[in-house]
C-alpha atoms as a PDB file:
ATOM      1  CA  MET A   1      13.077   9.128 -15.036  1.00  0.00           C
ATOM      2  CA  PRO A   2       9.961  10.112 -12.387  1.00  0.00           C
ATOM      3  CA  VAL A   3       8.763   7.434 -10.276  1.00  0.00           C
ATOM      4  CA  GLN A   4       5.535   5.414 -11.742  1.00  0.00           C
ATOM      5  CA  TYR A   5       3.399   5.760  -9.281  1.00  0.00           C
ATOM      6  CA  GLU A   6       0.129   5.891 -12.117  1.00  0.00           C
ATOM      7  CA  THR A   7       1.324   2.420 -12.781  1.00  0.00           C
ATOM      8  CA  TRP A   8       2.161   1.055  -9.035  1.00  0.00           C
ATOM      9  CA  VAL A   9      -1.408   2.065  -7.980  1.00  0.00           C
ATOM     10  CA  ASP A  10      -3.035   1.411 -11.658  1.00  0.00           C
ATOM     11  CA  GLY A  11      -1.474  -2.072 -10.803  1.00  0.00           C
ATOM     12  CA  LEU A  12      -2.834  -2.070  -7.139  1.00  0.00           C
ATOM     13  CA  ASN A  13      -6.322  -1.626  -9.019  1.00  0.00           C
ATOM     14  CA  ARG A  14      -5.814  -4.473 -11.210  1.00  0.00           C
ATOM     15  CA  GLY A  15      -4.303  -6.760  -8.432  1.00  0.00           C
ATOM     16  CA  ASP A  16      -1.179  -6.978  -9.772  1.00  0.00           C
ATOM     17  CA  VAL A  17       1.976  -6.770  -7.517  1.00  0.00           C
ATOM     18  CA  SER A  18       4.341  -6.669 -10.721  1.00  0.00           C
ATOM     19  CA  ALA A  19       3.248  -2.976 -10.659  1.00  0.00           C
ATOM     20  CA  ALA A  20       5.974  -2.511  -7.883  1.00  0.00           C
ATOM     21  CA  ASP A  21       9.035  -3.214 -10.881  1.00  0.00           C
ATOM     22  CA  ALA A  22       8.421  -0.021 -12.024  1.00  0.00           C
ATOM     23  CA  ALA A  23       8.341   1.970  -8.578  1.00  0.00           C
ATOM     24  CA  PHE A  24      10.470   0.592  -6.074  1.00  0.00           C
ATOM     25  CA  ALA A  25      14.059  -0.340  -6.143  1.00  0.00           C
ATOM     26  CA  PRO A  26      14.786  -3.869  -5.327  1.00  0.00           C
ATOM     27  CA  ASN A  27      16.384  -3.271  -2.124  1.00  0.00           C
ATOM     28  CA  CYS A  28      13.690  -0.983  -0.960  1.00  0.00           C
ATOM     29  CA  VAL A  29      12.313  -0.400   3.188  1.00  0.00           C
ATOM     30  CA  VAL A  30       8.708   0.138   4.083  1.00  0.00           C
ATOM     31  CA  HIS A  31       7.788   1.158   7.150  1.00  0.00           C
ATOM     32  CA  LEU A  32       4.289   0.429   7.722  1.00  0.00           C
ATOM     33  CA  THR A  33       2.440   1.298  10.537  1.00  0.00           C
ATOM     34  CA  GLY A  34       1.361  -1.929  12.503  1.00  0.00           C
ATOM     35  CA  VAL A  35       4.413  -3.590  11.136  1.00  0.00           C
ATOM     36  CA  PRO A  36       7.238  -4.197  13.945  1.00  0.00           C
ATOM     37  CA  GLN A  37      10.055  -4.315  11.487  1.00  0.00           C
ATOM     38  CA  PRO A  38      10.707  -2.332   8.188  1.00  0.00           C
ATOM     39  CA  ILE A  39       9.942  -4.506   5.424  1.00  0.00           C
ATOM     40  CA  SER A  40      12.903  -5.408   3.371  1.00  0.00           C
ATOM     41  CA  GLY A  41      13.565  -5.674  -0.435  1.00  0.00           C
ATOM     42  CA  ILE A  42      10.902  -5.747  -3.154  1.00  0.00           C
ATOM     43  CA  GLU A  43       9.719  -9.147  -3.375  1.00  0.00           C
ATOM     44  CA  ALA A  44       8.964  -8.857   0.413  1.00  0.00           C
ATOM     45  CA  TRP A  45       7.140  -5.860  -0.459  1.00  0.00           C
ATOM     46  CA  LYS A  46       5.106  -7.636  -3.330  1.00  0.00           C
ATOM     47  CA  ASP A  47       4.795 -10.383  -0.561  1.00  0.00           C
ATOM     48  CA  ALA A  48       2.724  -7.708   2.168  1.00  0.00           C
ATOM     49  CA  VAL A  49       0.762  -6.406  -0.523  1.00  0.00           C
ATOM     50  CA  ARG A  50      -0.307  -9.749  -2.193  1.00  0.00           C
ATOM     51  CA  GLY A  51      -1.514 -10.741   0.983  1.00  0.00           C
ATOM     52  CA  PHE A  52      -3.610  -7.348   1.205  1.00  0.00           C
ATOM     53  CA  LEU A  53      -4.648  -8.004  -1.819  1.00  0.00           C
ATOM     54  CA  THR A  54      -6.061 -11.557  -1.213  1.00  0.00           C
ATOM     55  CA  ALA A  55      -8.161 -10.324   1.909  1.00  0.00           C
ATOM     56  CA  PHE A  56      -9.485  -7.260  -0.484  1.00  0.00           C
ATOM     57  CA  PRO A  57      -9.057  -8.444  -4.005  1.00  0.00           C
ATOM     58  CA  ASP A  58     -11.966  -5.821  -5.235  1.00  0.00           C
ATOM     59  CA  ILE A  59      -9.889  -2.903  -3.415  1.00  0.00           C
ATOM     60  CA  HIS A  60      -9.200   0.646  -5.380  1.00  0.00           C
ATOM     61  CA  PHE A  61      -6.985   2.929  -4.366  1.00  0.00           C
ATOM     62  CA  THR A  62      -7.139   6.728  -5.235  1.00  0.00           C
ATOM     63  CA  VAL A  63      -4.851   9.053  -4.890  1.00  0.00           C
ATOM     64  CA  ASP A  64      -5.934  12.375  -3.479  1.00  0.00           C
ATOM     65  CA  ASP A  65      -2.724  14.752  -2.993  1.00  0.00           C
ATOM     66  CA  GLN A  66       1.042  14.353  -4.147  1.00  0.00           C
ATOM     67  CA  ILE A  67       3.562  16.768  -3.099  1.00  0.00           C
ATOM     68  CA  ASP A  68       7.127  16.719  -4.774  1.00  0.00           C
ATOM     69  CA  SER A  69      10.018  18.346  -3.424  1.00  0.00           C
ATOM     70  CA  GLY A  70      13.808  17.452  -4.506  1.00  0.00           C
ATOM     71  CA  ASP A  71      14.065  13.191  -3.240  1.00  0.00           C
ATOM     72  CA  ARG A  72      10.799  13.181  -1.581  1.00  0.00           C
ATOM     73  CA  VAL A  73       7.171  12.641  -2.265  1.00  0.00           C
ATOM     74  CA  ALA A  74       4.431  13.182   0.219  1.00  0.00           C
ATOM     75  CA  MET A  75       0.929  11.488  -0.862  1.00  0.00           C
ATOM     76  CA  ARG A  76      -2.416  11.327   0.418  1.00  0.00           C
ATOM     77  CA  TRP A  77      -4.645   8.381  -0.749  1.00  0.00           C
ATOM     78  CA  HIS A  78      -7.884   6.844  -0.015  1.00  0.00           C
ATOM     79  CA  ALA A  79      -9.002   3.397  -0.891  1.00  0.00           C
ATOM     80  CA  ARG A  80     -12.772   1.447  -0.861  1.00  0.00           C
ATOM     81  CA  ALA A  81     -12.975  -2.489  -0.886  1.00  0.00           C
ATOM     82  CA  THR A  82     -14.523  -5.624   0.489  1.00  0.00           C
ATOM     83  CA  HIS A  83     -13.146  -8.374   2.503  1.00  0.00           C
ATOM     84  CA  THR A  84     -13.530 -11.591   0.886  1.00  0.00           C
ATOM     85  CA  GLY A  85     -10.455 -12.877   1.541  1.00  0.00           C
ATOM     86  CA  PRO A  86      -8.297 -14.040   4.906  1.00  0.00           C
ATOM     87  CA  LEU A  87      -6.647 -11.265   6.557  1.00  0.00           C
ATOM     88  CA  GLY A  88      -3.913 -12.774   8.602  1.00  0.00           C
ATOM     89  CA  PRO A  89      -5.740 -15.025  11.182  1.00  0.00           C
ATOM     90  CA  LEU A  90      -9.030 -13.075  10.544  1.00  0.00           C
ATOM     91  CA  PRO A  91     -11.586 -15.163   8.050  1.00  0.00           C
ATOM     92  CA  PRO A  92     -13.178 -13.322   5.467  1.00  0.00           C
ATOM     93  CA  THR A  93     -16.007 -10.814   6.983  1.00  0.00           C
ATOM     94  CA  GLY A  94     -17.736  -9.438   4.092  1.00  0.00           C
ATOM     95  CA  ARG A  95     -17.895  -5.760   5.136  1.00  0.00           C
ATOM     96  CA  SER A  96     -16.775  -3.169   3.126  1.00  0.00           C
ATOM     97  CA  ILE A  97     -14.131  -0.930   4.292  1.00  0.00           C
ATOM     98  CA  ALA A  98     -13.410   2.547   3.416  1.00  0.00           C
ATOM     99  CA  ILE A  99      -9.433   3.810   4.235  1.00  0.00           C
ATOM    100  CA  ASP A 100      -7.571   6.860   4.227  1.00  0.00           C
ATOM    101  CA  GLY A 101      -3.447   6.893   4.208  1.00  0.00           C
ATOM    102  CA  LEU A 102      -0.522   9.156   3.944  1.00  0.00           C
ATOM    103  CA  VAL A 103       2.487   7.964   2.290  1.00  0.00           C
ATOM    104  CA  PHE A 104       6.012   9.335   2.457  1.00  0.00           C
ATOM    105  CA  ASP A 105       8.977   8.136   0.054  1.00  0.00           C
ATOM    106  CA  ARG A 106      12.385   9.176  -0.746  1.00  0.00           C
ATOM    107  CA  ILE A 107      13.493   8.526  -4.596  1.00  0.00           C
ATOM    108  CA  GLU A 108      16.881   7.412  -5.848  1.00  0.00           C
ATOM    109  CA  ASN A 109      17.145   7.742  -9.560  1.00  0.00           C
ATOM    110  CA  GLY A 110      14.188   7.710  -9.959  1.00  0.00           C
ATOM    111  CA  MET A 111      13.103   4.934  -7.706  1.00  0.00           C
ATOM    112  CA  ILE A 112      11.374   4.450  -4.067  1.00  0.00           C
ATOM    113  CA  VAL A 113      14.516   3.495  -2.062  1.00  0.00           C
ATOM    114  CA  GLU A 114      12.166   3.944   1.217  1.00  0.00           C
ATOM    115  CA  ARG A 115       8.771   4.392   2.519  1.00  0.00           C
ATOM    116  CA  TRP A 116       7.078   5.143   5.155  1.00  0.00           C
ATOM    117  CA  GLU A 117       3.214   4.606   5.138  1.00  0.00           C
ATOM    118  CA  GLN A 118       0.198   4.998   7.684  1.00  0.00           C
ATOM    119  CA  LEU A 119      -3.392   4.194   7.552  1.00  0.00           C
ATOM    120  CA  ASP A 120      -5.678   3.918   9.780  1.00  0.00           C
ATOM    121  CA  GLN A 121      -5.772   0.309  10.693  1.00  0.00           C
ATOM    122  CA  THR A 122      -8.446   0.973  14.201  1.00  0.00           C
ATOM    123  CA  VAL A 123     -11.176   2.124  11.469  1.00  0.00           C
ATOM    124  CA  MET A 124     -10.042  -0.501   9.481  1.00  0.00           C
ATOM    125  CA  LEU A 125     -10.604  -3.247  11.662  1.00  0.00           C
ATOM    126  CA  GLN A 126     -13.665  -1.633  13.357  1.00  0.00           C
ATOM    127  CA  GLN A 127     -15.320  -1.424   9.638  1.00  0.00           C
ATOM    128  CA  LEU A 128     -14.819  -5.050   9.850  1.00  0.00           C
ATOM    129  CA  GLY A 129     -16.338  -5.556  13.218  1.00  0.00           C
ATOM    130  CA  VAL A 130     -13.137  -6.436  14.634  1.00  0.00           C
ATOM    131  CA  GLN A 131     -12.892  -3.795  17.470  1.00  0.00           C
END
């Protein structure tokens, strides 16, 4: 069974983190740029994503490219959103962002077991007026 990327991206665009259950293994590990320790387990991953969706509830992700090779998937995406909720200690700014990211996944039994994700946090913070 292939990974349910479309279900996951559609879920993100609706603000529904439960869509992760269709794409990520329960014991997944996510390495995310700017986060010093890997995020371990689907519930911790959904919590992290939920925090981002709280800050940017109108976010819309688009997958630009996806390449599958054996048990690996590489993806390039972009997103647009408005900062209307808290982002960690940063209060809402009302500013819009446009960000790009790269994902590299390792797949087992049709589920993401390990993810490396990079997004340009510096550009995002500049757009929010922080840097």
